[in-house]
């Protein structure tokens, strides 16, 4: 949340494109960002994505001043792991 009392959900600031010093330039300001190793995904209130890498899923906030934040997100994660085909 910016210091002007604005409030954003996981979608962040509508129509924005963050620049430095935001940690994820090119993604929406004040939004949820998902990171798996080097794969970075724009998060939001209804996001699905596919990864082919095995890594820890990190939940990040694209905010240039974390010290003025209040509140939080509720995050629900659902995994559909399609392993290799079964061998007869």
PDB file of N, CA and C in Angstrom:
ATOM      1  N   UNK A   1       0.828  -1.183   0.000  1.00  0.00           N
ATOM      2  CA  UNK A   1       0.000   0.000   0.000  1.00  0.00           C
ATOM      3  C   UNK A   1       0.870   1.243   0.000  1.00  0.00           C
ATOM      4  N   UNK A   2       0.614   2.151  -0.874  1.00  0.00           N
ATOM      5  CA  UNK A   2       1.350   3.404  -0.830  1.00  0.00           C
ATOM      6  C   UNK A   2       0.891   4.243   0.359  1.00  0.00           C
ATOM      7  N   UNK A   3       1.689   5.179   0.779  1.00  0.00           N
ATOM      8  CA  UNK A   3       1.424   5.966   1.962  1.00  0.00           C
ATOM      9  C   UNK A   3       0.215   6.881   1.880  1.00  0.00           C
ATOM     10  N   UNK A   4      -0.420   7.026   0.757  1.00  0.00           N
ATOM     11  CA  UNK A   4      -1.567   7.921   0.608  1.00  0.00           C
ATOM     12  C   UNK A   4      -2.871   7.277   1.055  1.00  0.00           C
ATOM     13  N   UNK A   5      -2.819   6.145   1.722  1.00  0.00           N
ATOM     14  CA  UNK A   5      -4.023   5.489   2.196  1.00  0.00           C
ATOM     15  C   UNK A   5      -4.703   4.629   1.144  1.00  0.00           C
ATOM     16  N   UNK A   6      -4.071   4.449  -0.012  1.00  0.00           N
ATOM     17  CA  UNK A   6      -4.648   3.602  -1.059  1.00  0.00           C
ATOM     18  C   UNK A   6      -4.542   2.146  -0.635  1.00  0.00           C
ATOM     19  N   UNK A   7      -5.481   1.352  -1.099  1.00  0.00           N
ATOM     20  CA  UNK A   7      -5.474  -0.078  -0.778  1.00  0.00           C
ATOM     21  C   UNK A   7      -5.552  -0.862  -2.080  1.00  0.00           C
ATOM     22  N   UNK A   8      -4.731  -1.889  -2.149  1.00  0.00           N
ATOM     23  CA  UNK A   8      -4.710  -2.750  -3.330  1.00  0.00           C
ATOM     24  C   UNK A   8      -4.801  -4.195  -2.890  1.00  0.00           C
ATOM     25  N   UNK A   9      -5.452  -5.006  -3.723  1.00  0.00           N
ATOM     26  CA  UNK A   9      -5.465  -6.438  -3.467  1.00  0.00           C
ATOM     27  C   UNK A   9      -4.279  -7.059  -4.198  1.00  0.00           C
ATOM     28  N   UNK A  10      -4.274  -8.368  -4.342  1.00  0.00           N
ATOM     29  CA  UNK A  10      -3.156  -9.067  -4.966  1.00  0.00           C
ATOM     30  C   UNK A  10      -2.946  -8.677  -6.427  1.00  0.00           C
ATOM     31  N   UNK A  11      -3.951  -8.059  -7.066  1.00  0.00           N
ATOM     32  CA  UNK A  11      -3.796  -7.584  -8.443  1.00  0.00           C
ATOM     33  C   UNK A  11      -2.938  -6.327  -8.516  1.00  0.00           C
ATOM     34  N   UNK A  12      -2.755  -5.627  -7.398  1.00  0.00           N
ATOM     35  CA  UNK A  12      -1.930  -4.431  -7.386  1.00  0.00           C
ATOM     36  C   UNK A  12      -2.656  -3.223  -7.942  1.00  0.00           C
ATOM     37  N   UNK A  13      -1.880  -2.234  -8.338  1.00  0.00           N
ATOM     38  CA  UNK A  13      -2.410  -0.966  -8.851  1.00  0.00           C
ATOM     39  C   UNK A  13      -2.819  -1.149 -10.314  1.00  0.00           C
ATOM     40  N   UNK A  14      -4.107  -1.009 -10.619  1.00  0.00           N
ATOM     41  CA  UNK A  14      -4.578  -1.230 -11.997  1.00  0.00           C
ATOM     42  C   UNK A  14      -3.856  -0.346 -13.010  1.00  0.00           C
ATOM     43  N   UNK A  15      -3.447  -0.948 -14.108  1.00  0.00           N
ATOM     44  CA  UNK A  15      -2.827  -0.215 -15.214  1.00  0.00           C
ATOM     45  C   UNK A  15      -1.391   0.212 -14.983  1.00  0.00           C
ATOM     46  N   UNK A  16      -0.813  -0.139 -13.831  1.00  0.00           N
ATOM     47  CA  UNK A  16       0.553   0.298 -13.535  1.00  0.00           C
ATOM     48  C   UNK A  16       1.581  -0.672 -14.088  1.00  0.00           C
ATOM     49  N   UNK A  17       2.773  -0.151 -14.314  1.00  0.00           N
ATOM     50  CA  UNK A  17       3.939  -0.958 -14.673  1.00  0.00           C
ATOM     51  C   UNK A  17       5.075  -0.458 -13.795  1.00  0.00           C
ATOM     52  N   UNK A  18       5.539  -1.291 -12.896  1.00  0.00           N
ATOM     53  CA  UNK A  18       6.561  -0.891 -11.935  1.00  0.00           C
ATOM     54  C   UNK A  18       7.896  -0.641 -12.618  1.00  0.00           C
ATOM     55  N   UNK A  19       8.603   0.353 -12.097  1.00  0.00           N
ATOM     56  CA  UNK A  19       9.981   0.626 -12.496  1.00  0.00           C
ATOM     57  C   UNK A  19      10.826   0.620 -11.228  1.00  0.00           C
ATOM     58  N   UNK A  20      12.142   0.646 -11.375  1.00  0.00           N
ATOM     59  CA  UNK A  20      13.021   0.691 -10.194  1.00  0.00           C
ATOM     60  C   UNK A  20      12.639   1.906  -9.355  1.00  0.00           C
ATOM     61  N   UNK A  21      12.599   1.798  -8.048  1.00  0.00           N
ATOM     62  CA  UNK A  21      13.197   0.784  -7.185  1.00  0.00           C
ATOM     63  C   UNK A  21      12.270  -0.368  -6.807  1.00  0.00           C
ATOM     64  N   UNK A  22      11.154  -0.585  -7.515  1.00  0.00           N
ATOM     65  CA  UNK A  22      10.315  -1.747  -7.231  1.00  0.00           C
ATOM     66  C   UNK A  22      11.135  -3.005  -7.509  1.00  0.00           C
ATOM     67  N   UNK A  23      10.959  -4.063  -6.725  1.00  0.00           N
ATOM     68  CA  UNK A  23      11.790  -5.257  -6.900  1.00  0.00           C
ATOM     69  C   UNK A  23      11.507  -6.049  -8.180  1.00  0.00           C
ATOM     70  N   UNK A  24      10.317  -5.869  -8.772  1.00  0.00           N
ATOM     71  CA  UNK A  24       9.966  -6.594 -10.000  1.00  0.00           C
ATOM     72  C   UNK A  24       9.518  -5.606 -11.075  1.00  0.00           C
ATOM     73  N   UNK A  25      10.464  -4.870 -11.663  1.00  0.00           N
ATOM     74  CA  UNK A  25      10.102  -3.924 -12.723  1.00  0.00           C
ATOM     75  C   UNK A  25       9.392  -4.643 -13.866  1.00  0.00           C
ATOM     76  N   UNK A  26       8.417  -3.971 -14.449  1.00  0.00           N
ATOM     77  CA  UNK A  26       7.664  -4.538 -15.561  1.00  0.00           C
ATOM     78  C   UNK A  26       6.375  -5.206 -15.126  1.00  0.00           C
ATOM     79  N   UNK A  27       6.266  -5.544 -13.831  1.00  0.00           N
ATOM     80  CA  UNK A  27       5.031  -6.114 -13.306  1.00  0.00           C
ATOM     81  C   UNK A  27       4.250  -5.008 -12.592  1.00  0.00           C
ATOM     82  N   UNK A  28       2.998  -5.288 -12.228  1.00  0.00           N
ATOM     83  CA  UNK A  28       2.162  -4.256 -11.603  1.00  0.00           C
ATOM     84  C   UNK A  28       2.694  -3.832 -10.239  1.00  0.00           C
ATOM     85  N   UNK A  29       2.601  -2.533  -9.972  1.00  0.00           N
ATOM     86  CA  UNK A  29       2.986  -2.002  -8.674  1.00  0.00           C
ATOM     87  C   UNK A  29       2.065  -2.569  -7.592  1.00  0.00           C
ATOM     88  N   UNK A  30       2.622  -2.852  -6.426  1.00  0.00           N
ATOM     89  CA  UNK A  30       1.903  -3.285  -5.223  1.00  0.00           C
ATOM     90  C   UNK A  30       1.135  -4.599  -5.400  1.00  0.00           C
ATOM     91  N   UNK A  31       1.570  -5.418  -6.342  1.00  0.00           N
ATOM     92  CA  UNK A  31       0.875  -6.682  -6.628  1.00  0.00           C
ATOM     93  C   UNK A  31       1.614  -7.867  -6.025  1.00  0.00           C
ATOM     94  N   UNK A  32       0.923  -8.984  -5.987  1.00  0.00           N
ATOM     95  CA  UNK A  32       1.522 -10.255  -5.616  1.00  0.00           C
ATOM     96  C   UNK A  32       2.368 -10.745  -6.789  1.00  0.00           C
ATOM     97  N   UNK A  33       3.554 -11.244  -6.489  1.00  0.00           N
ATOM     98  CA  UNK A  33       4.431 -11.825  -7.508  1.00  0.00           C
ATOM     99  C   UNK A  33       4.831 -13.215  -7.014  1.00  0.00           C
ATOM    100  N   UNK A  34       4.783 -14.187  -7.895  1.00  0.00           N
ATOM    101  CA  UNK A  34       5.153 -15.565  -7.577  1.00  0.00           C
ATOM    102  C   UNK A  34       6.498 -15.863  -8.223  1.00  0.00           C
ATOM    103  N   UNK A  35       7.384 -16.500  -7.468  1.00  0.00           N
ATOM    104  CA  UNK A  35       8.716 -16.788  -8.013  1.00  0.00           C
ATOM    105  C   UNK A  35       9.105 -18.216  -7.686  1.00  0.00           C
ATOM    106  N   UNK A  36       9.570 -18.928  -8.705  1.00  0.00           N
ATOM    107  CA  UNK A  36      10.143 -20.261  -8.563  1.00  0.00           C
ATOM    108  C   UNK A  36      11.533 -20.202  -9.185  1.00  0.00           C
ATOM    109  N   UNK A  37      12.556 -20.122  -8.354  1.00  0.00           N
ATOM    110  CA  UNK A  37      13.924 -19.996  -8.835  1.00  0.00           C
ATOM    111  C   UNK A  37      14.012 -18.759  -9.724  1.00  0.00           C
ATOM    112  N   UNK A  38      14.257 -18.913 -11.021  1.00  0.00           N
ATOM    113  CA  UNK A  38      14.354 -17.751 -11.913  1.00  0.00           C
ATOM    114  C   UNK A  38      13.039 -17.445 -12.641  1.00  0.00           C
ATOM    115  N   UNK A  39      12.033 -18.288 -12.505  1.00  0.00           N
ATOM    116  CA  UNK A  39      10.733 -18.036 -13.138  1.00  0.00           C
ATOM    117  C   UNK A  39       9.934 -17.066 -12.261  1.00  0.00           C
ATOM    118  N   UNK A  40       9.513 -15.945 -12.850  1.00  0.00           N
ATOM    119  CA  UNK A  40       8.736 -14.930 -12.144  1.00  0.00           C
ATOM    120  C   UNK A  40       7.385 -14.812 -12.831  1.00  0.00           C
ATOM    121  N   UNK A  41       6.303 -14.867 -12.039  1.00  0.00           N
ATOM    122  CA  UNK A  41       4.949 -14.848 -12.570  1.00  0.00           C
ATOM    123  C   UNK A  41       4.171 -13.704 -11.923  1.00  0.00           C
ATOM    124  N   UNK A  42       3.471 -12.918 -12.736  1.00  0.00           N
ATOM    125  CA  UNK A  42       2.597 -11.875 -12.191  1.00  0.00           C
ATOM    126  C   UNK A  42       1.461 -12.547 -11.446  1.00  0.00           C
ATOM    127  N   UNK A  43       1.393 -12.323 -10.158  1.00  0.00           N
ATOM    128  CA  UNK A  43       0.316 -12.878  -9.353  1.00  0.00           C
ATOM    129  C   UNK A  43      -0.927 -12.019  -9.456  1.00  0.00           C
ATOM    130  N   UNK A  44      -1.949 -12.403  -8.725  1.00  0.00           N
ATOM    131  CA  UNK A  44      -3.194 -11.658  -8.721  1.00  0.00           C
ATOM    132  C   UNK A  44      -4.265 -12.423  -7.981  1.00  0.00           C
ATOM    133  N   UNK A  45      -5.497 -11.970  -8.123  1.00  0.00           N
ATOM    134  CA  UNK A  45      -6.598 -12.580  -7.394  1.00  0.00           C
ATOM    135  C   UNK A  45      -7.078 -13.882  -8.017  1.00  0.00           C
ATOM    136  N   UNK A  46      -6.688 -14.164  -9.243  1.00  0.00           N
ATOM    137  CA  UNK A  46      -7.099 -15.414  -9.891  1.00  0.00           C
ATOM    138  C   UNK A  46      -6.062 -15.773 -10.950  1.00  0.00           C
ATOM    139  N   UNK A  47      -4.985 -16.412 -10.539  1.00  0.00           N
ATOM    140  CA  UNK A  47      -3.861 -16.677 -11.438  1.00  0.00           C
ATOM    141  C   UNK A  47      -3.589 -18.165 -11.495  1.00  0.00           C
ATOM    142  N   UNK A  48      -3.348 -18.657 -12.704  1.00  0.00           N
ATOM    143  CA  UNK A  48      -2.906 -20.026 -12.911  1.00  0.00           C
ATOM    144  C   UNK A  48      -1.643 -19.969 -13.750  1.00  0.00           C
ATOM    145  N   UNK A  49      -0.706 -20.851 -13.463  1.00  0.00           N
ATOM    146  CA  UNK A  49       0.499 -20.914 -14.282  1.00  0.00           C
ATOM    147  C   UNK A  49       1.071 -22.316 -14.215  1.00  0.00           C
ATOM    148  N   UNK A  50       1.936 -22.613 -15.177  1.00  0.00           N
ATOM    149  CA  UNK A  50       2.582 -23.919 -15.255  1.00  0.00           C
ATOM    150  C   UNK A  50       4.083 -23.717 -15.156  1.00  0.00           C
ATOM    151  N   UNK A  51       4.728 -24.572 -14.423  1.00  0.00           N
ATOM    152  CA  UNK A  51       6.180 -24.553 -14.348  1.00  0.00           C
ATOM    153  C   UNK A  51       6.709 -25.950 -14.644  1.00  0.00           C
ATOM    154  N   UNK A  52       7.902 -26.012 -15.190  1.00  0.00           N
ATOM    155  CA  UNK A  52       8.538 -27.304 -15.452  1.00  0.00           C
ATOM    156  C   UNK A  52       9.737 -27.495 -14.540  1.00  0.00           C
ATOM    157  N   UNK A  53       9.941 -26.560 -13.617  1.00  0.00           N
ATOM    158  CA  UNK A  53      11.101 -26.656 -12.732  1.00  0.00           C
ATOM    159  C   UNK A  53      10.688 -27.074 -11.333  1.00  0.00           C
ATOM    160  N   UNK A  54      11.595 -27.684 -10.644  1.00  0.00           N
ATOM    161  CA  UNK A  54      11.388 -28.058  -9.260  1.00  0.00           C
ATOM    162  C   UNK A  54      12.091 -27.019  -8.401  1.00  0.00           C
ATOM    163  N   UNK A  55      11.314 -26.221  -7.682  1.00  0.00           N
ATOM    164  CA  UNK A  55      11.890 -25.158  -6.851  1.00  0.00           C
ATOM    165  C   UNK A  55      10.876 -24.753  -5.801  1.00  0.00           C
ATOM    166  N   UNK A  56      11.333 -24.052  -4.784  1.00  0.00           N
ATOM    167  CA  UNK A  56      10.429 -23.511  -3.777  1.00  0.00           C
ATOM    168  C   UNK A  56       9.604 -22.386  -4.379  1.00  0.00           C
ATOM    169  N   UNK A  57       8.322 -22.366  -4.065  1.00  0.00           N
ATOM    170  CA  UNK A  57       7.438 -21.298  -4.518  1.00  0.00           C
ATOM    171  C   UNK A  57       7.519 -20.160  -3.511  1.00  0.00           C
ATOM    172  N   UNK A  58       7.906 -18.984  -3.992  1.00  0.00           N
ATOM    173  CA  UNK A  58       8.005 -17.810  -3.130  1.00  0.00           C
ATOM    174  C   UNK A  58       6.858 -16.851  -3.451  1.00  0.00           C
ATOM    175  N   UNK A  59       6.247 -16.310  -2.413  1.00  0.00           N
ATOM    176  CA  UNK A  59       5.192 -15.311  -2.546  1.00  0.00           C
ATOM    177  C   UNK A  59       5.818 -13.961  -2.223  1.00  0.00           C
ATOM    178  N   UNK A  60       5.831 -13.053  -3.173  1.00  0.00           N
ATOM    179  CA  UNK A  60       6.501 -11.759  -3.022  1.00  0.00           C
ATOM    180  C   UNK A  60       5.486 -10.639  -3.243  1.00  0.00           C
ATOM    181  N   UNK A  61       5.823  -9.457  -2.747  1.00  0.00           N
ATOM    182  CA  UNK A  61       5.004  -8.271  -2.970  1.00  0.00           C
ATOM    183  C   UNK A  61       5.852  -7.276  -3.746  1.00  0.00           C
ATOM    184  N   UNK A  62       5.331  -6.786  -4.853  1.00  0.00           N
ATOM    185  CA  UNK A  62       6.052  -5.821  -5.675  1.00  0.00           C
ATOM    186  C   UNK A  62       5.835  -4.422  -5.102  1.00  0.00           C
ATOM    187  N   UNK A  63       6.573  -4.122  -4.050  1.00  0.00           N
ATOM    188  CA  UNK A  63       6.395  -2.878  -3.300  1.00  0.00           C
ATOM    189  C   UNK A  63       7.761  -2.278  -3.019  1.00  0.00           C
ATOM    190  N   UNK A  64       7.883  -0.978  -3.212  1.00  0.00           N
ATOM    191  CA  UNK A  64       9.158  -0.304  -2.990  1.00  0.00           C
ATOM    192  C   UNK A  64       9.330   0.206  -1.560  1.00  0.00           C
ATOM    193  N   UNK A  65       8.332  -0.007  -0.685  1.00  0.00           N
ATOM    194  CA  UNK A  65       8.436   0.424   0.709  1.00  0.00           C
ATOM    195  C   UNK A  65       7.584  -0.505   1.580  1.00  0.00           C
ATOM    196  N   UNK A  66       8.131  -1.613   1.992  1.00  0.00           N
ATOM    197  CA  UNK A  66       7.379  -2.588   2.784  1.00  0.00           C
ATOM    198  C   UNK A  66       7.064  -2.088   4.188  1.00  0.00           C
ATOM    199  N   UNK A  67       7.785  -1.104   4.689  1.00  0.00           N
ATOM    200  CA  UNK A  67       7.606  -0.662   6.072  1.00  0.00           C
ATOM    201  C   UNK A  67       6.283   0.046   6.322  1.00  0.00           C
ATOM    202  N   UNK A  68       5.582   0.504   5.270  1.00  0.00           N
ATOM    203  CA  UNK A  68       4.312   1.207   5.483  1.00  0.00           C
ATOM    204  C   UNK A  68       3.099   0.312   5.214  1.00  0.00           C
ATOM    205  N   UNK A  69       3.310  -0.986   5.116  1.00  0.00           N
ATOM    206  CA  UNK A  69       2.221  -1.905   4.786  1.00  0.00           C
ATOM    207  C   UNK A  69       1.430  -2.338   6.021  1.00  0.00           C
ATOM    208  N   UNK A  70       0.157  -2.640   5.785  1.00  0.00           N
ATOM    209  CA  UNK A  70      -0.723  -3.220   6.794  1.00  0.00           C
ATOM    210  C   UNK A  70      -1.567  -4.275   6.090  1.00  0.00           C
ATOM    211  N   UNK A  71      -2.103  -5.207   6.853  1.00  0.00           N
ATOM    212  CA  UNK A  71      -2.993  -6.202   6.271  1.00  0.00           C
ATOM    213  C   UNK A  71      -2.232  -7.359   5.666  1.00  0.00           C
ATOM    214  N   UNK A  72      -2.867  -8.074   4.761  1.00  0.00           N
ATOM    215  CA  UNK A  72      -2.241  -9.223   4.143  1.00  0.00           C
ATOM    216  C   UNK A  72      -3.129  -9.821   3.076  1.00  0.00           C
ATOM    217  N   UNK A  73      -2.673 -10.895   2.510  1.00  0.00           N
ATOM    218  CA  UNK A  73      -3.411 -11.641   1.493  1.00  0.00           C
ATOM    219  C   UNK A  73      -3.828 -12.978   2.072  1.00  0.00           C
ATOM    220  N   UNK A  74      -4.938 -13.498   1.597  1.00  0.00           N
ATOM    221  CA  UNK A  74      -5.259 -14.909   1.813  1.00  0.00           C
ATOM    222  C   UNK A  74      -4.906 -15.605   0.518  1.00  0.00           C
ATOM    223  N   UNK A  75      -4.048 -16.605   0.580  1.00  0.00           N
ATOM    224  CA  UNK A  75      -3.576 -17.287  -0.625  1.00  0.00           C
ATOM    225  C   UNK A  75      -3.978 -18.745  -0.566  1.00  0.00           C
ATOM    226  N   UNK A  76      -4.653 -19.206  -1.594  1.00  0.00           N
ATOM    227  CA  UNK A  76      -5.027 -20.610  -1.729  1.00  0.00           C
ATOM    228  C   UNK A  76      -4.237 -21.189  -2.893  1.00  0.00           C
ATOM    229  N   UNK A  77      -3.558 -22.296  -2.654  1.00  0.00           N
ATOM    230  CA  UNK A  77      -2.732 -22.925  -3.672  1.00  0.00           C
ATOM    231  C   UNK A  77      -3.295 -24.299  -3.970  1.00  0.00           C
ATOM    232  N   UNK A  78      -3.458 -24.591  -5.255  1.00  0.00           N
ATOM    233  CA  UNK A  78      -3.897 -25.899  -5.701  1.00  0.00           C
ATOM    234  C   UNK A  78      -2.865 -26.410  -6.701  1.00  0.00           C
ATOM    235  N   UNK A  79      -2.442 -27.646  -6.539  1.00  0.00           N
ATOM    236  CA  UNK A  79      -1.413 -28.214  -7.398  1.00  0.00           C
ATOM    237  C   UNK A  79      -2.001 -29.378  -8.182  1.00  0.00           C
ATOM    238  N   UNK A  80      -1.738 -29.392  -9.477  1.00  0.00           N
ATOM    239  CA  UNK A  80      -2.129 -30.493 -10.336  1.00  0.00           C
ATOM    240  C   UNK A  80      -0.845 -31.044 -10.922  1.00  0.00           C
ATOM    241  N   UNK A  81      -0.277 -32.021 -10.262  1.00  0.00           N
ATOM    242  CA  UNK A  81       1.004 -32.580 -10.693  1.00  0.00           C
ATOM    243  C   UNK A  81       0.747 -33.752 -11.615  1.00  0.00           C
ATOM    244  N   UNK A  82       1.117 -33.585 -12.855  1.00  0.00           N
ATOM    245  CA  UNK A  82       0.906 -34.651 -13.842  1.00  0.00           C
ATOM    246  C   UNK A  82       2.201 -35.433 -13.994  1.00  0.00           C
ATOM    247  N   UNK A  83       2.531 -36.330 -13.262  1.00  0.00           N
ATOM    248  CA  UNK A  83       3.794 -37.061 -13.385  1.00  0.00           C
ATOM    249  C   UNK A  83       3.932 -37.778 -14.717  1.00  0.00           C
ATOM    250  N   UNK A  84       4.980 -38.565 -14.872  1.00  0.00           N
ATOM    251  CA  UNK A  84       5.161 -39.310 -16.121  1.00  0.00           C
ATOM    252  C   UNK A  84       4.046 -40.333 -16.313  1.00  0.00           C
ATOM    253  N   UNK A  85       3.786 -40.701 -17.550  1.00  0.00           N
ATOM    254  CA  UNK A  85       2.734 -41.696 -17.815  1.00  0.00           C
ATOM    255  C   UNK A  85       3.033 -43.015 -17.106  1.00  0.00           C
ATOM    256  N   UNK A  86       1.989 -43.670 -16.670  1.00  0.00           N
ATOM    257  CA  UNK A  86       2.132 -44.959 -15.991  1.00  0.00           C
ATOM    258  C   UNK A  86       2.629 -46.011 -16.976  1.00  0.00           C
ATOM    259  N   UNK A  87       3.488 -46.888 -16.490  1.00  0.00           N
ATOM    260  CA  UNK A  87       3.999 -47.986 -17.314  1.00  0.00           C
ATOM    261  C   UNK A  87       3.118 -49.215 -17.090  1.00  0.00           C
ATOM    262  N   UNK A  88       2.610 -49.812 -18.180  1.00  0.00           N
ATOM    263  CA  UNK A  88       1.757 -51.005 -18.010  1.00  0.00           C
ATOM    264  C   UNK A  88       2.509 -52.208 -17.522  1.00  0.00           C
TER     265      UNK A  88
END
